[in-house]
N, C-alpha and C. Protein backbone atom coordinates (compact mmCIF):
# COMPACT_ATOMS: atom_id res chain seq x y z
N MET A 1 -13.25 0.54 -14.30
CA MET A 1 -13.11 0.28 -12.88
C MET A 1 -14.33 0.84 -12.15
N LYS A 2 -14.90 0.04 -11.31
CA LYS A 2 -16.05 0.47 -10.52
C LYS A 2 -15.57 1.23 -9.30
N LEU A 3 -16.09 2.43 -9.11
CA LEU A 3 -15.69 3.27 -8.00
C LEU A 3 -16.50 2.91 -6.77
N ASN A 4 -15.83 2.74 -5.66
CA ASN A 4 -16.49 2.42 -4.40
C ASN A 4 -16.87 3.74 -3.73
N TYR A 5 -18.13 4.15 -3.88
CA TYR A 5 -18.59 5.45 -3.38
C TYR A 5 -18.58 5.52 -1.86
N GLY A 6 -18.81 4.41 -1.18
CA GLY A 6 -18.79 4.40 0.28
C GLY A 6 -17.40 4.73 0.82
N SER A 7 -16.38 4.10 0.25
CA SER A 7 -15.00 4.37 0.66
C SER A 7 -14.62 5.81 0.34
N LEU A 8 -15.04 6.28 -0.82
CA LEU A 8 -14.74 7.65 -1.21
C LEU A 8 -15.41 8.65 -0.26
N ALA A 9 -16.64 8.39 0.15
CA ALA A 9 -17.35 9.28 1.07
C ALA A 9 -16.67 9.31 2.44
N VAL A 10 -16.29 8.15 2.94
CA VAL A 10 -15.59 8.09 4.24
C VAL A 10 -14.29 8.86 4.17
N LEU A 11 -13.54 8.67 3.09
CA LEU A 11 -12.28 9.37 2.91
C LEU A 11 -12.51 10.87 2.82
N ALA A 12 -13.52 11.29 2.06
CA ALA A 12 -13.80 12.72 1.88
C ALA A 12 -14.23 13.38 3.18
N ILE A 13 -14.89 12.66 4.06
CA ILE A 13 -15.36 13.23 5.32
C ILE A 13 -14.27 13.21 6.39
N PHE A 14 -13.61 12.08 6.55
CA PHE A 14 -12.69 11.93 7.68
C PHE A 14 -11.27 12.39 7.41
N LEU A 15 -10.81 12.38 6.17
CA LEU A 15 -9.45 12.81 5.90
C LEU A 15 -9.23 14.27 6.26
N PRO A 16 -10.11 15.19 5.85
CA PRO A 16 -9.90 16.59 6.26
C PRO A 16 -9.94 16.78 7.78
N ILE A 17 -10.83 16.06 8.45
CA ILE A 17 -10.90 16.16 9.92
C ILE A 17 -9.60 15.68 10.53
N LEU A 18 -9.09 14.56 10.03
CA LEU A 18 -7.84 14.01 10.54
C LEU A 18 -6.67 14.95 10.30
N VAL A 19 -6.59 15.49 9.10
CA VAL A 19 -5.49 16.40 8.77
C VAL A 19 -5.56 17.65 9.65
N LEU A 20 -6.73 18.23 9.80
CA LEU A 20 -6.86 19.44 10.63
C LEU A 20 -6.56 19.15 12.10
N SER A 21 -6.86 17.96 12.56
CA SER A 21 -6.59 17.60 13.95
C SER A 21 -5.10 17.57 14.26
N PHE A 22 -4.31 17.14 13.30
CA PHE A 22 -2.89 16.98 13.54
C PHE A 22 -2.03 18.06 12.89
N TRP A 23 -2.65 19.05 12.27
CA TRP A 23 -1.89 20.09 11.59
C TRP A 23 -1.25 21.07 12.58
N GLY A 24 -1.87 21.30 13.72
CA GLY A 24 -1.47 22.33 14.64
C GLY A 24 -0.20 22.13 15.44
N PRO A 25 0.12 20.90 15.91
CA PRO A 25 1.31 20.76 16.76
C PRO A 25 2.57 21.28 16.07
N PRO A 26 3.61 21.58 16.83
CA PRO A 26 4.85 22.11 16.25
C PRO A 26 5.43 21.18 15.19
N TRP A 27 6.01 21.78 14.18
CA TRP A 27 6.60 21.01 13.09
C TRP A 27 8.03 20.63 13.45
N THR A 28 8.18 19.42 13.93
CA THR A 28 9.50 18.89 14.27
C THR A 28 10.07 18.17 13.05
N ILE A 29 11.34 17.83 13.12
CA ILE A 29 11.96 17.08 12.02
C ILE A 29 11.24 15.76 11.82
N GLN A 30 10.84 15.13 12.92
CA GLN A 30 10.12 13.86 12.84
C GLN A 30 8.81 14.02 12.07
N ARG A 31 8.07 15.07 12.37
CA ARG A 31 6.77 15.28 11.70
C ARG A 31 6.97 15.62 10.23
N ILE A 32 7.98 16.41 9.91
CA ILE A 32 8.27 16.76 8.52
C ILE A 32 8.68 15.51 7.75
N ALA A 33 9.54 14.69 8.35
CA ALA A 33 9.97 13.44 7.71
C ALA A 33 8.77 12.52 7.49
N GLY A 34 7.91 12.43 8.48
CA GLY A 34 6.73 11.58 8.35
C GLY A 34 5.84 12.01 7.21
N LEU A 35 5.59 13.31 7.11
CA LEU A 35 4.75 13.82 6.03
C LEU A 35 5.43 13.65 4.67
N THR A 36 6.75 13.81 4.66
CA THR A 36 7.52 13.65 3.43
C THR A 36 7.46 12.21 2.92
N VAL A 37 7.36 11.26 3.82
CA VAL A 37 7.24 9.85 3.43
C VAL A 37 5.78 9.51 3.13
N ALA A 38 4.86 9.95 3.99
CA ALA A 38 3.46 9.54 3.89
C ALA A 38 2.77 10.03 2.62
N LEU A 39 2.95 11.29 2.26
CA LEU A 39 2.21 11.83 1.11
C LEU A 39 2.54 11.13 -0.20
N PRO A 40 3.81 11.06 -0.60
CA PRO A 40 4.06 10.37 -1.88
C PRO A 40 3.70 8.89 -1.84
N CYS A 41 3.89 8.25 -0.69
CA CYS A 41 3.55 6.83 -0.59
C CYS A 41 2.04 6.61 -0.68
N PHE A 42 1.27 7.52 -0.08
CA PHE A 42 -0.19 7.42 -0.20
C PHE A 42 -0.62 7.59 -1.66
N LEU A 43 -0.01 8.53 -2.36
CA LEU A 43 -0.36 8.73 -3.77
C LEU A 43 0.05 7.52 -4.61
N LEU A 44 1.21 6.96 -4.33
CA LEU A 44 1.65 5.76 -5.06
C LEU A 44 0.77 4.56 -4.72
N LEU A 45 0.32 4.47 -3.48
CA LEU A 45 -0.62 3.42 -3.07
C LEU A 45 -1.92 3.55 -3.87
N ALA A 46 -2.44 4.76 -3.97
CA ALA A 46 -3.67 4.99 -4.74
C ALA A 46 -3.46 4.63 -6.21
N LEU A 47 -2.31 5.03 -6.76
CA LEU A 47 -2.00 4.71 -8.16
C LEU A 47 -1.91 3.19 -8.36
N ALA A 48 -1.27 2.49 -7.43
CA ALA A 48 -1.16 1.03 -7.53
C ALA A 48 -2.54 0.38 -7.51
N ARG A 49 -3.40 0.89 -6.65
CA ARG A 49 -4.76 0.33 -6.56
C ARG A 49 -5.53 0.57 -7.86
N ILE A 50 -5.38 1.75 -8.44
CA ILE A 50 -6.04 2.07 -9.71
C ILE A 50 -5.50 1.18 -10.82
N GLN A 51 -4.17 1.01 -10.87
CA GLN A 51 -3.56 0.18 -11.91
C GLN A 51 -3.95 -1.29 -11.78
N LEU A 52 -4.21 -1.73 -10.57
CA LEU A 52 -4.62 -3.12 -10.36
C LEU A 52 -6.04 -3.36 -10.88
N GLY A 53 -6.87 -2.34 -10.82
CA GLY A 53 -8.22 -2.43 -11.39
C GLY A 53 -9.04 -3.58 -10.85
N LYS A 54 -9.67 -4.32 -11.76
CA LYS A 54 -10.55 -5.42 -11.38
C LYS A 54 -9.79 -6.63 -10.82
N ALA A 55 -8.48 -6.63 -10.96
CA ALA A 55 -7.69 -7.75 -10.43
C ALA A 55 -7.56 -7.66 -8.91
N PHE A 56 -7.98 -6.54 -8.32
CA PHE A 56 -7.89 -6.38 -6.87
C PHE A 56 -8.89 -7.27 -6.16
N SER A 57 -8.42 -7.92 -5.08
CA SER A 57 -9.31 -8.67 -4.21
C SER A 57 -8.66 -8.76 -2.84
N VAL A 58 -9.48 -8.91 -1.82
CA VAL A 58 -8.96 -9.03 -0.47
C VAL A 58 -8.31 -10.40 -0.28
N GLN A 59 -8.96 -11.43 -0.78
CA GLN A 59 -8.41 -12.79 -0.73
C GLN A 59 -7.54 -13.01 -1.96
N ALA A 60 -6.55 -13.87 -1.84
CA ALA A 60 -5.66 -14.17 -2.97
C ALA A 60 -6.45 -14.87 -4.08
N LYS A 61 -6.57 -14.20 -5.22
CA LYS A 61 -7.23 -14.75 -6.40
C LYS A 61 -6.34 -14.48 -7.60
N ALA A 62 -6.51 -15.23 -8.63
CA ALA A 62 -5.71 -15.05 -9.84
C ALA A 62 -6.65 -14.86 -11.02
N THR A 63 -7.08 -13.62 -11.23
CA THR A 63 -7.95 -13.34 -12.37
C THR A 63 -7.16 -12.77 -13.53
N THR A 64 -6.24 -11.86 -13.23
CA THR A 64 -5.44 -11.20 -14.25
C THR A 64 -4.04 -10.99 -13.69
N LEU A 65 -3.03 -11.14 -14.54
CA LEU A 65 -1.66 -10.86 -14.13
C LEU A 65 -1.33 -9.44 -14.59
N VAL A 66 -1.27 -8.52 -13.64
CA VAL A 66 -0.97 -7.12 -13.95
C VAL A 66 0.54 -6.93 -13.90
N THR A 67 1.12 -6.51 -15.04
CA THR A 67 2.58 -6.36 -15.13
C THR A 67 2.99 -5.01 -15.68
N THR A 68 2.08 -4.05 -15.66
CA THR A 68 2.38 -2.73 -16.20
C THR A 68 2.37 -1.69 -15.08
N GLY A 69 2.82 -0.50 -15.39
CA GLY A 69 2.83 0.59 -14.41
C GLY A 69 3.77 0.27 -13.25
N LEU A 70 3.34 0.55 -12.05
CA LEU A 70 4.14 0.25 -10.87
C LEU A 70 4.43 -1.24 -10.76
N TYR A 71 3.52 -2.05 -11.26
CA TYR A 71 3.66 -3.50 -11.19
C TYR A 71 4.75 -4.03 -12.13
N SER A 72 5.27 -3.18 -13.00
CA SER A 72 6.38 -3.61 -13.86
C SER A 72 7.69 -3.63 -13.09
N ARG A 73 7.73 -2.98 -11.92
CA ARG A 73 8.95 -2.93 -11.10
C ARG A 73 8.79 -3.63 -9.74
N ILE A 74 7.58 -3.55 -9.18
CA ILE A 74 7.31 -4.09 -7.84
C ILE A 74 6.09 -5.00 -7.94
N ARG A 75 6.21 -6.24 -7.46
CA ARG A 75 5.09 -7.18 -7.53
C ARG A 75 3.96 -6.80 -6.58
N ASN A 76 4.29 -6.19 -5.46
CA ASN A 76 3.28 -5.87 -4.44
C ASN A 76 3.36 -4.40 -4.01
N PRO A 77 3.14 -3.47 -4.92
CA PRO A 77 3.27 -2.06 -4.54
C PRO A 77 2.24 -1.61 -3.50
N ILE A 78 1.09 -2.25 -3.44
CA ILE A 78 0.10 -1.88 -2.43
C ILE A 78 0.65 -2.17 -1.04
N TYR A 79 1.30 -3.30 -0.88
CA TYR A 79 1.89 -3.62 0.43
C TYR A 79 3.04 -2.69 0.76
N VAL A 80 3.92 -2.45 -0.21
CA VAL A 80 5.09 -1.61 0.02
C VAL A 80 4.68 -0.19 0.37
N PHE A 81 3.88 0.42 -0.49
CA PHE A 81 3.52 1.82 -0.27
C PHE A 81 2.52 1.99 0.87
N GLY A 82 1.67 1.00 1.10
CA GLY A 82 0.76 1.06 2.24
C GLY A 82 1.52 1.04 3.56
N SER A 83 2.53 0.19 3.64
CA SER A 83 3.34 0.12 4.86
C SER A 83 4.13 1.40 5.08
N LEU A 84 4.74 1.92 4.02
CA LEU A 84 5.51 3.16 4.15
C LEU A 84 4.62 4.35 4.46
N ALA A 85 3.44 4.40 3.85
CA ALA A 85 2.50 5.50 4.13
C ALA A 85 2.06 5.44 5.59
N THR A 86 1.82 4.26 6.10
CA THR A 86 1.43 4.09 7.50
C THR A 86 2.55 4.55 8.42
N ALA A 87 3.78 4.15 8.12
CA ALA A 87 4.92 4.55 8.94
C ALA A 87 5.08 6.08 8.93
N GLY A 88 4.98 6.68 7.75
CA GLY A 88 5.08 8.13 7.66
C GLY A 88 3.97 8.83 8.42
N PHE A 89 2.77 8.30 8.30
CA PHE A 89 1.63 8.89 9.01
C PHE A 89 1.83 8.83 10.52
N LEU A 90 2.32 7.70 11.02
CA LEU A 90 2.55 7.56 12.46
C LEU A 90 3.62 8.53 12.96
N LEU A 91 4.61 8.79 12.13
CA LEU A 91 5.61 9.79 12.50
C LEU A 91 5.01 11.19 12.47
N TRP A 92 4.20 11.45 11.46
CA TRP A 92 3.59 12.78 11.31
C TRP A 92 2.66 13.11 12.48
N ILE A 93 1.89 12.12 12.94
CA ILE A 93 0.98 12.40 14.06
C ILE A 93 1.69 12.30 15.40
N ASN A 94 3.01 12.14 15.33
CA ASN A 94 3.85 12.15 16.52
C ASN A 94 3.57 10.97 17.46
N MET A 95 3.40 9.81 16.86
CA MET A 95 3.20 8.58 17.63
C MET A 95 4.15 7.49 17.12
N PRO A 96 5.46 7.75 17.17
CA PRO A 96 6.40 6.77 16.63
C PRO A 96 6.38 5.44 17.38
N TRP A 97 5.93 5.43 18.61
CA TRP A 97 5.86 4.18 19.37
C TRP A 97 4.91 3.19 18.71
N LEU A 98 3.95 3.69 17.93
CA LEU A 98 3.05 2.79 17.20
C LEU A 98 3.75 2.07 16.06
N LEU A 99 4.97 2.51 15.73
CA LEU A 99 5.73 1.80 14.71
C LEU A 99 6.02 0.37 15.14
N LEU A 100 5.85 0.10 16.42
CA LEU A 100 5.99 -1.28 16.89
C LEU A 100 4.98 -2.20 16.23
N LEU A 101 3.91 -1.62 15.70
CA LEU A 101 2.93 -2.43 14.96
C LEU A 101 3.56 -3.12 13.75
N PHE A 102 4.67 -2.55 13.26
CA PHE A 102 5.33 -3.17 12.12
C PHE A 102 5.94 -4.52 12.47
N VAL A 103 6.16 -4.75 13.74
CA VAL A 103 6.62 -6.07 14.17
C VAL A 103 5.56 -7.11 13.82
N ILE A 104 4.31 -6.68 13.80
CA ILE A 104 3.20 -7.55 13.43
C ILE A 104 2.85 -7.38 11.95
N LEU A 105 2.81 -6.15 11.47
CA LEU A 105 2.36 -5.85 10.12
C LEU A 105 3.27 -6.42 9.03
N LEU A 106 4.56 -6.21 9.14
CA LEU A 106 5.46 -6.64 8.08
C LEU A 106 5.47 -8.16 7.86
N PRO A 107 5.57 -8.97 8.91
CA PRO A 107 5.50 -10.42 8.65
C PRO A 107 4.16 -10.83 8.02
N MET A 108 3.08 -10.16 8.41
CA MET A 108 1.77 -10.46 7.81
C MET A 108 1.78 -10.13 6.32
N GLN A 109 2.39 -9.00 5.95
CA GLN A 109 2.45 -8.61 4.54
C GLN A 109 3.31 -9.60 3.74
N VAL A 110 4.42 -10.03 4.32
CA VAL A 110 5.27 -11.01 3.64
C VAL A 110 4.51 -12.33 3.46
N TYR A 111 3.79 -12.76 4.50
CA TYR A 111 3.00 -13.99 4.42
C TYR A 111 1.94 -13.86 3.32
N ARG A 112 1.21 -12.74 3.30
CA ARG A 112 0.18 -12.55 2.27
C ARG A 112 0.78 -12.52 0.87
N SER A 113 1.93 -11.86 0.72
CA SER A 113 2.54 -11.79 -0.60
C SER A 113 3.00 -13.17 -1.08
N ARG A 114 3.49 -13.99 -0.17
CA ARG A 114 3.89 -15.35 -0.55
C ARG A 114 2.68 -16.19 -0.95
N LYS A 115 1.60 -16.03 -0.22
CA LYS A 115 0.36 -16.76 -0.55
C LYS A 115 -0.15 -16.34 -1.93
N GLU A 116 -0.17 -15.03 -2.18
CA GLU A 116 -0.60 -14.53 -3.49
C GLU A 116 0.33 -15.02 -4.59
N SER A 117 1.63 -15.03 -4.30
CA SER A 117 2.61 -15.49 -5.28
C SER A 117 2.35 -16.94 -5.67
N GLN A 118 2.01 -17.76 -4.70
CA GLN A 118 1.73 -19.17 -4.99
C GLN A 118 0.47 -19.32 -5.85
N VAL A 119 -0.56 -18.54 -5.53
CA VAL A 119 -1.80 -18.58 -6.31
C VAL A 119 -1.54 -18.14 -7.75
N LEU A 120 -0.76 -17.08 -7.91
CA LEU A 120 -0.44 -16.59 -9.26
C LEU A 120 0.44 -17.57 -10.02
N ALA A 121 1.38 -18.19 -9.33
CA ALA A 121 2.25 -19.18 -9.98
C ALA A 121 1.43 -20.38 -10.44
N ASP A 122 0.48 -20.81 -9.63
CA ASP A 122 -0.37 -21.94 -10.01
C ASP A 122 -1.22 -21.61 -11.23
N LYS A 123 -1.72 -20.39 -11.30
CA LYS A 123 -2.61 -20.00 -12.40
C LYS A 123 -1.84 -19.65 -13.69
N PHE A 124 -0.76 -18.86 -13.56
CA PHE A 124 -0.08 -18.33 -14.75
C PHE A 124 1.24 -19.01 -15.09
N GLY A 125 1.70 -19.89 -14.21
CA GLY A 125 2.88 -20.71 -14.48
C GLY A 125 4.13 -19.94 -14.86
N PRO A 126 4.75 -20.34 -16.00
CA PRO A 126 6.03 -19.75 -16.41
C PRO A 126 5.98 -18.24 -16.63
N SER A 127 4.85 -17.73 -17.12
CA SER A 127 4.79 -16.28 -17.35
C SER A 127 4.88 -15.51 -16.02
N TYR A 128 4.27 -16.05 -14.96
CA TYR A 128 4.39 -15.40 -13.65
C TYR A 128 5.81 -15.53 -13.11
N LEU A 129 6.41 -16.69 -13.27
CA LEU A 129 7.77 -16.89 -12.78
C LEU A 129 8.77 -15.97 -13.47
N ASP A 130 8.59 -15.74 -14.80
CA ASP A 130 9.43 -14.77 -15.51
C ASP A 130 9.21 -13.36 -14.95
N TYR A 131 7.96 -13.00 -14.75
CA TYR A 131 7.63 -11.69 -14.18
C TYR A 131 8.25 -11.55 -12.78
N LYS A 132 8.15 -12.60 -11.99
CA LYS A 132 8.68 -12.58 -10.63
C LYS A 132 10.19 -12.35 -10.62
N ARG A 133 10.90 -12.94 -11.56
CA ARG A 133 12.36 -12.78 -11.63
C ARG A 133 12.75 -11.34 -12.00
N GLN A 134 11.87 -10.65 -12.70
CA GLN A 134 12.18 -9.31 -13.19
C GLN A 134 11.74 -8.19 -12.25
N THR A 135 11.09 -8.53 -11.14
CA THR A 135 10.56 -7.51 -10.25
C THR A 135 11.04 -7.72 -8.83
N TRP A 136 10.82 -6.68 -8.02
CA TRP A 136 11.19 -6.73 -6.60
C TRP A 136 9.94 -6.94 -5.76
N PHE A 137 10.05 -7.65 -4.66
CA PHE A 137 8.99 -7.94 -3.70
C PHE A 137 7.65 -8.01 -4.39
């Protein structure tokens, strides 16, 4: 897997600044719940991205059918864990009103997953359909 050094540098610089910026406010139940959701989901999102490897693309492409790891249970773990990590983060930074973005985000994720599903079904046929029956979202 080719490591994207630019993304890694941005993450290494801005993540600590972001965490320190929001660490100070009082720890409410909402903030604790948000962090409890965001951290494991972010780690699972990173794991899903690593497991996808070279099959990852921004546009729907069918190069490899990944069916191992997280992908053995969930067809779109990047969408699932990315959405949950975002929701947890918004709760943690004490901006739950931004959860209204999910009114836009979730239908977009469902649309993208359906588009990807069609591309994969066209490329891999019955093997993808069997995989689809055995997994969630």
